[in-house]
Amino acid sequence: MDDQDTRTDRNPLELMQTEFRGSLRLFYSRLQLAPPYDSVEKALRRLTVSVKALPADEQQRLLSDPTLRWARYRQAFIESGLNQKHRGIIAGLARRRSTLGLPPEFDAILDLYVRGD
């Protein structure tokens, strides 16, 4: 059984919540910053509401398309206010992305600090 088979057998919302929480944990650990826990929980709630509002087929589509998934994560990141926390520090670090050791999908979040979205 490959990773894709495993993904479609499980609840899309649970998978996305787990992935997003892990991604936020990795993000803040690589930046060597304490995560703003209340805002992290708010981001997870925003993601939950957003995904639950989608029809089941759209939820499954999110699982199969990392770009769409990361667009949802970015949206939840913004709506929770995480993009305003540690703004100056993260903006400086984001300009030196290669030193952070974050996978390319994190550009969806790091761009918020560099471009000022």
Protein backbone atom coordinates (compact mmCIF):
# COMPACT_ATOMS: atom_id res chain seq x y z
CA MET A 1 0.00 0.00 0.00
CA ASP A 2 1.49 3.33 -0.99
CA ASP A 3 1.16 6.70 0.74
CA GLN A 4 -1.67 7.80 -1.56
CA ASP A 5 -3.76 4.71 -0.68
CA THR A 6 -3.27 5.41 3.01
CA ARG A 7 -4.33 9.04 2.58
CA THR A 8 -7.61 8.24 0.87
CA ASP A 9 -8.56 5.64 3.50
CA ARG A 10 -8.42 8.17 6.32
CA ASN A 11 -10.37 11.23 7.28
CA PRO A 12 -9.06 14.15 5.18
CA LEU A 13 -9.64 16.64 7.98
CA GLU A 14 -7.66 14.58 10.51
CA LEU A 15 -4.81 14.14 8.06
CA MET A 16 -4.67 17.85 7.27
CA GLN A 17 -4.85 18.84 10.94
CA THR A 18 -2.00 16.46 11.78
CA GLU A 19 0.10 17.62 8.85
CA PHE A 20 -0.53 21.31 9.55
CA ARG A 21 0.27 20.96 13.26
CA GLY A 22 3.49 19.11 12.41
CA SER A 23 4.38 21.71 9.79
CA LEU A 24 3.90 24.54 12.27
CA ARG A 25 6.01 22.68 14.82
CA LEU A 26 8.78 22.24 12.23
CA PHE A 27 8.48 25.86 11.08
CA TYR A 28 8.99 27.33 14.54
CA SER A 29 11.66 24.84 15.56
CA ARG A 30 13.77 25.57 12.44
CA LEU A 31 13.38 29.29 13.11
CA GLN A 32 14.32 28.61 16.75
CA LEU A 33 11.29 30.51 17.99
CA ALA A 34 8.66 29.59 20.54
CA PRO A 35 5.39 29.11 18.70
CA PRO A 36 2.59 31.46 19.75
CA TYR A 37 0.43 28.60 21.06
CA ASP A 38 -2.89 30.43 21.15
CA SER A 39 -2.47 31.53 17.55
CA VAL A 40 -1.38 28.04 16.50
CA GLU A 41 -4.57 26.62 18.00
CA LYS A 42 -6.57 29.37 16.31
CA ALA A 43 -4.94 28.46 12.97
CA LEU A 44 -5.91 24.83 13.47
CA ARG A 45 -9.50 25.85 14.25
CA ARG A 46 -9.59 28.04 11.12
CA LEU A 47 -8.31 25.15 9.03
CA THR A 48 -10.91 22.84 10.56
CA VAL A 49 -13.80 25.19 9.79
CA SER A 50 -12.53 25.79 6.26
CA VAL A 51 -12.10 22.11 5.41
CA LYS A 52 -15.34 20.97 7.08
CA ALA A 53 -17.26 23.42 4.89
CA LEU A 54 -16.08 21.62 1.76
CA PRO A 55 -17.88 18.71 0.11
CA ALA A 56 -16.24 15.30 0.64
CA ASP A 57 -14.87 15.17 -2.91
CA GLU A 58 -13.14 18.55 -2.46
CA GLN A 59 -11.65 17.36 0.83
CA GLN A 60 -10.24 14.32 -0.97
CA ARG A 61 -8.90 16.58 -3.71
CA LEU A 62 -6.99 18.57 -1.10
CA LEU A 63 -5.31 15.37 0.04
CA SER A 64 -4.10 14.58 -3.45
CA ASP A 65 -2.88 18.09 -4.27
CA PRO A 66 -0.14 19.50 -2.00
CA THR A 67 -0.39 22.94 -3.63
CA LEU A 68 -4.07 23.22 -2.74
CA ARG A 69 -3.40 21.91 0.76
CA TRP A 70 -0.66 24.46 1.37
CA ALA A 71 -2.94 27.23 0.08
CA ARG A 72 -5.39 26.21 2.86
CA TYR A 73 -2.58 26.17 5.41
CA ARG A 74 -1.48 29.62 4.30
CA GLN A 75 -5.05 30.90 4.56
CA ALA A 76 -5.39 29.51 8.11
CA PHE A 77 -1.98 30.97 8.99
CA ILE A 78 -3.13 34.44 7.91
CA GLU A 79 -6.62 34.24 9.39
CA SER A 80 -5.23 33.23 12.77
CA GLY A 81 -2.82 36.15 12.86
CA LEU A 82 0.28 33.96 12.90
CA ASN A 83 1.71 36.05 10.08
CA GLN A 84 1.83 39.00 12.51
CA LYS A 85 3.68 37.16 15.29
CA HIS A 86 7.50 37.44 15.42
CA ARG A 87 7.14 39.41 12.18
CA GLY A 88 10.48 41.24 12.21
CA ILE A 89 12.51 38.23 13.28
CA ILE A 90 10.90 35.90 10.74
CA ALA A 91 11.21 38.46 7.94
CA GLY A 92 14.95 38.58 8.49
CA LEU A 93 15.24 34.80 8.63
CA ALA A 94 13.00 34.34 5.58
CA ARG A 95 15.41 36.36 3.46
CA ARG A 96 17.98 33.62 4.11
CA ARG A 97 15.68 30.66 3.42
CA SER A 98 18.44 28.28 2.45
CA THR A 99 19.88 28.44 5.96
CA LEU A 100 16.54 27.43 7.52
CA GLY A 101 16.45 23.94 6.08
CA LEU A 102 12.71 24.08 5.43
CA PRO A 103 11.16 22.14 2.53
CA PRO A 104 10.03 24.22 -0.49
CA GLU A 105 6.34 24.01 0.45
CA PHE A 106 7.07 26.38 3.33
CA ASP A 107 7.62 29.14 0.78
CA ALA A 108 3.83 29.59 0.91
CA ILE A 109 4.28 30.88 4.46
CA LEU A 110 7.73 32.47 4.22
CA ASP A 111 6.58 34.61 1.28
CA LEU A 112 4.19 36.36 3.68
CA TYR A 113 7.19 37.83 5.46
CA VAL A 114 9.34 38.66 2.46
CA ARG A 115 6.67 40.07 0.18
CA GLY A 116 4.57 41.56 2.94
CA ASP A 117 1.27 39.93 1.92
